[in-house]
Amino acid sequence: MAIPVILERRDCIAIAPTGTGKTEAFAIPIVQLLLEKEIQYNASVLILLPTRELCIQTKQRITNLLIGLDLGIASFYGGETYESQLEMYQHAQIILATPGRLVDFIEQEV
């Protein structure tokens, strides 16, 4: 149900049990829009995640969808150096971030 809503570029919130495909339901149409150049800029998509663990897990799932595609993904969360995260950011269309680290980057005007 989420995919058509996202393809229409409307806001969408979903609640479902773990393991039901929420990540893919959001990521697949986002990737499609990126590939169709409906979204054209680096750092076009921001996905906020509440924890470092969920950020890492979500990045792994989306990265699997990007295999063979000319799209980049970066993640911002605590416990990693700013430099390594900024390096990934330079070529990323999709950004995953925890709120705390995102605020850190914004406050540093990175």
C-alpha atoms as a PDB file:
ATOM      1  CA  MET A   1       0.000   0.000   0.000  1.00  0.00           C
ATOM      2  CA  ALA A   2       2.912   2.375   0.628  1.00  0.00           C
ATOM      3  CA  ILE A   3       4.586   2.047  -2.777  1.00  0.00           C
ATOM      4  CA  PRO A   4       1.968   3.910  -4.885  1.00  0.00           C
ATOM      5  CA  VAL A   5       1.721   6.668  -2.280  1.00  0.00           C
ATOM      6  CA  ILE A   6       5.486   7.202  -2.311  1.00  0.00           C
ATOM      7  CA  LEU A   7       5.635   7.082  -6.109  1.00  0.00           C
ATOM      8  CA  GLU A   8       3.142   9.953  -6.069  1.00  0.00           C
ATOM      9  CA  ARG A   9       5.643  11.727  -3.789  1.00  0.00           C
ATOM     10  CA  ARG A  10       3.131  11.987  -0.960  1.00  0.00           C
ATOM     11  CA  ASP A  11       3.959  11.598   2.715  1.00  0.00           C
ATOM     12  CA  CYS A  12       3.525   8.106   4.068  1.00  0.00           C
ATOM     13  CA  ILE A  13       3.720   6.602   7.546  1.00  0.00           C
ATOM     14  CA  ALA A  14       3.491   2.849   8.067  1.00  0.00           C
ATOM     15  CA  ILE A  15       3.209   0.626  11.093  1.00  0.00           C
ATOM     16  CA  ALA A  16       3.746  -3.108  10.695  1.00  0.00           C
ATOM     17  CA  PRO A  17       5.407  -5.969  12.553  1.00  0.00           C
ATOM     18  CA  THR A  18       9.121  -6.651  12.212  1.00  0.00           C
ATOM     19  CA  GLY A  19      10.025  -8.623   9.102  1.00  0.00           C
ATOM     20  CA  THR A  20       7.082  -7.584   6.948  1.00  0.00           C
ATOM     21  CA  GLY A  21       9.083  -5.558   4.398  1.00  0.00           C
ATOM     22  CA  LYS A  22       8.619  -1.976   5.580  1.00  0.00           C
ATOM     23  CA  THR A  23      12.150  -0.998   4.564  1.00  0.00           C
ATOM     24  CA  GLU A  24      11.714  -2.326   1.051  1.00  0.00           C
ATOM     25  CA  ALA A  25       8.208  -0.839   0.750  1.00  0.00           C
ATOM     26  CA  PHE A  26       9.728   2.589   1.309  1.00  0.00           C
ATOM     27  CA  ALA A  27      13.094   2.074  -0.388  1.00  0.00           C
ATOM     28  CA  ILE A  28      11.967   0.529  -3.679  1.00  0.00           C
ATOM     29  CA  PRO A  29       9.864   3.502  -4.815  1.00  0.00           C
ATOM     30  CA  ILE A  30      12.513   5.931  -3.573  1.00  0.00           C
ATOM     31  CA  VAL A  31      15.144   4.140  -5.671  1.00  0.00           C
ATOM     32  CA  GLN A  32      12.790   4.156  -8.652  1.00  0.00           C
ATOM     33  CA  LEU A  33      12.253   7.913  -8.340  1.00  0.00           C
ATOM     34  CA  LEU A  34      15.998   8.455  -8.091  1.00  0.00           C
ATOM     35  CA  LEU A  35      16.609   6.351 -11.196  1.00  0.00           C
ATOM     36  CA  GLU A  36      13.903   8.201 -13.121  1.00  0.00           C
ATOM     37  CA  LYS A  37      15.592  11.481 -12.160  1.00  0.00           C
ATOM     38  CA  GLU A  38      12.438  12.590 -10.378  1.00  0.00           C
ATOM     39  CA  ILE A  39      14.827  13.315  -7.523  1.00  0.00           C
ATOM     40  CA  GLN A  40      18.040  14.734  -8.956  1.00  0.00           C
ATOM     41  CA  TYR A  41      20.353  16.014  -6.283  1.00  0.00           C
ATOM     42  CA  ASN A  42      22.961  14.500  -4.034  1.00  0.00           C
ATOM     43  CA  ALA A  43      21.496  13.978  -0.584  1.00  0.00           C
ATOM     44  CA  SER A  44      17.987  14.018  -2.055  1.00  0.00           C
ATOM     45  CA  VAL A  45      16.501  11.583   0.434  1.00  0.00           C
ATOM     46  CA  LEU A  46      16.809  11.756   4.217  1.00  0.00           C
ATOM     47  CA  ILE A  47      15.672   8.826   6.338  1.00  0.00           C
ATOM     48  CA  LEU A  48      15.698   9.394  10.094  1.00  0.00           C
ATOM     49  CA  LEU A  49      16.142   6.366  12.316  1.00  0.00           C
ATOM     50  CA  PRO A  50      15.941   6.300  16.105  1.00  0.00           C
ATOM     51  CA  THR A  51      19.017   4.166  16.838  1.00  0.00           C
ATOM     52  CA  ARG A  52      22.471   3.405  15.511  1.00  0.00           C
ATOM     53  CA  GLU A  53      21.579  -0.282  15.203  1.00  0.00           C
ATOM     54  CA  LEU A  54      18.487   0.429  13.112  1.00  0.00           C
ATOM     55  CA  CYS A  55      20.486   2.846  10.967  1.00  0.00           C
ATOM     56  CA  ILE A  56      23.110   0.171  10.261  1.00  0.00           C
ATOM     57  CA  GLN A  57      20.475  -2.480   9.547  1.00  0.00           C
ATOM     58  CA  THR A  58      18.490  -0.207   7.236  1.00  0.00           C
ATOM     59  CA  LYS A  59      21.621   0.813   5.349  1.00  0.00           C
ATOM     60  CA  GLN A  60      22.453  -2.853   4.732  1.00  0.00           C
ATOM     61  CA  ARG A  61      18.954  -3.551   3.391  1.00  0.00           C
ATOM     62  CA  ILE A  62      18.925  -0.520   1.082  1.00  0.00           C
ATOM     63  CA  THR A  63      22.499  -1.146  -0.067  1.00  0.00           C
ATOM     64  CA  ASN A  64      21.355  -4.556  -1.312  1.00  0.00           C
ATOM     65  CA  LEU A  65      18.747  -2.804  -3.465  1.00  0.00           C
ATOM     66  CA  LEU A  66      21.409  -0.502  -4.938  1.00  0.00           C
ATOM     67  CA  ILE A  67      23.717  -3.255  -6.237  1.00  0.00           C
ATOM     68  CA  GLY A  68      24.580  -2.453  -9.851  1.00  0.00           C
ATOM     69  CA  LEU A  69      22.962   0.969  -9.721  1.00  0.00           C
ATOM     70  CA  ASP A  70      24.746   4.306  -9.875  1.00  0.00           C
ATOM     71  CA  LEU A  71      23.293   5.495  -6.580  1.00  0.00           C
ATOM     72  CA  GLY A  72      25.061   6.130  -3.301  1.00  0.00           C
ATOM     73  CA  ILE A  73      24.037   5.853   0.319  1.00  0.00           C
ATOM     74  CA  ALA A  74      25.566   7.330   3.457  1.00  0.00           C
ATOM     75  CA  SER A  75      24.746   6.982   7.120  1.00  0.00           C
ATOM     76  CA  PHE A  76      25.298   9.315  10.050  1.00  0.00           C
ATOM     77  CA  TYR A  77      25.275   7.882  13.550  1.00  0.00           C
ATOM     78  CA  GLY A  78      27.377   8.043  16.666  1.00  0.00           C
ATOM     79  CA  GLY A  79      30.389   5.832  17.177  1.00  0.00           C
ATOM     80  CA  GLU A  80      31.968   6.512  13.778  1.00  0.00           C
ATOM     81  CA  THR A  81      34.270   9.350  12.797  1.00  0.00           C
ATOM     82  CA  TYR A  82      32.804  12.432  11.195  1.00  0.00           C
ATOM     83  CA  GLU A  83      35.418  12.198   8.443  1.00  0.00           C
ATOM     84  CA  SER A  84      34.441   8.700   7.324  1.00  0.00           C
ATOM     85  CA  GLN A  85      30.771   9.651   7.303  1.00  0.00           C
ATOM     86  CA  LEU A  86      31.408  12.853   5.358  1.00  0.00           C
ATOM     87  CA  GLU A  87      33.392  10.928   2.765  1.00  0.00           C
ATOM     88  CA  MET A  88      30.367   8.709   2.058  1.00  0.00           C
ATOM     89  CA  TYR A  89      28.111  11.780   1.942  1.00  0.00           C
ATOM     90  CA  GLN A  90      29.945  13.306  -1.028  1.00  0.00           C
ATOM     91  CA  HIS A  91      28.440  10.783  -3.477  1.00  0.00           C
ATOM     92  CA  ALA A  92      25.194   9.831  -1.772  1.00  0.00           C
ATOM     93  CA  GLN A  93      21.651  10.429  -2.893  1.00  0.00           C
ATOM     94  CA  ILE A  94      20.209   8.634   0.151  1.00  0.00           C
ATOM     95  CA  ILE A  95      21.175   9.704   3.673  1.00  0.00           C
ATOM     96  CA  LEU A  96      20.315   7.680   6.758  1.00  0.00           C
ATOM     97  CA  ALA A  97      20.797   9.398  10.086  1.00  0.00           C
ATOM     98  CA  THR A  98      20.061   9.242  13.745  1.00  0.00           C
ATOM     99  CA  PRO A  99      18.662  12.535  15.024  1.00  0.00           C
ATOM    100  CA  GLY A 100      21.570  13.238  17.382  1.00  0.00           C
ATOM    101  CA  ARG A 101      24.295  12.854  14.747  1.00  0.00           C
ATOM    102  CA  LEU A 102      22.275  14.784  12.187  1.00  0.00           C
ATOM    103  CA  VAL A 103      21.965  17.696  14.625  1.00  0.00           C
ATOM    104  CA  ASP A 104      25.735  17.471  15.206  1.00  0.00           C
ATOM    105  CA  PHE A 105      26.395  17.841  11.482  1.00  0.00           C
ATOM    106  CA  ILE A 106      23.907  20.685  11.124  1.00  0.00           C
ATOM    107  CA  GLU A 107      25.370  22.578  14.076  1.00  0.00           C
ATOM    108  CA  GLN A 108      28.862  22.201  12.604  1.00  0.00           C
ATOM    109  CA  GLU A 109      27.510  23.452   9.248  1.00  0.00           C
ATOM    110  CA  VAL A 110      28.987  20.444   7.488  1.00  0.00           C
END
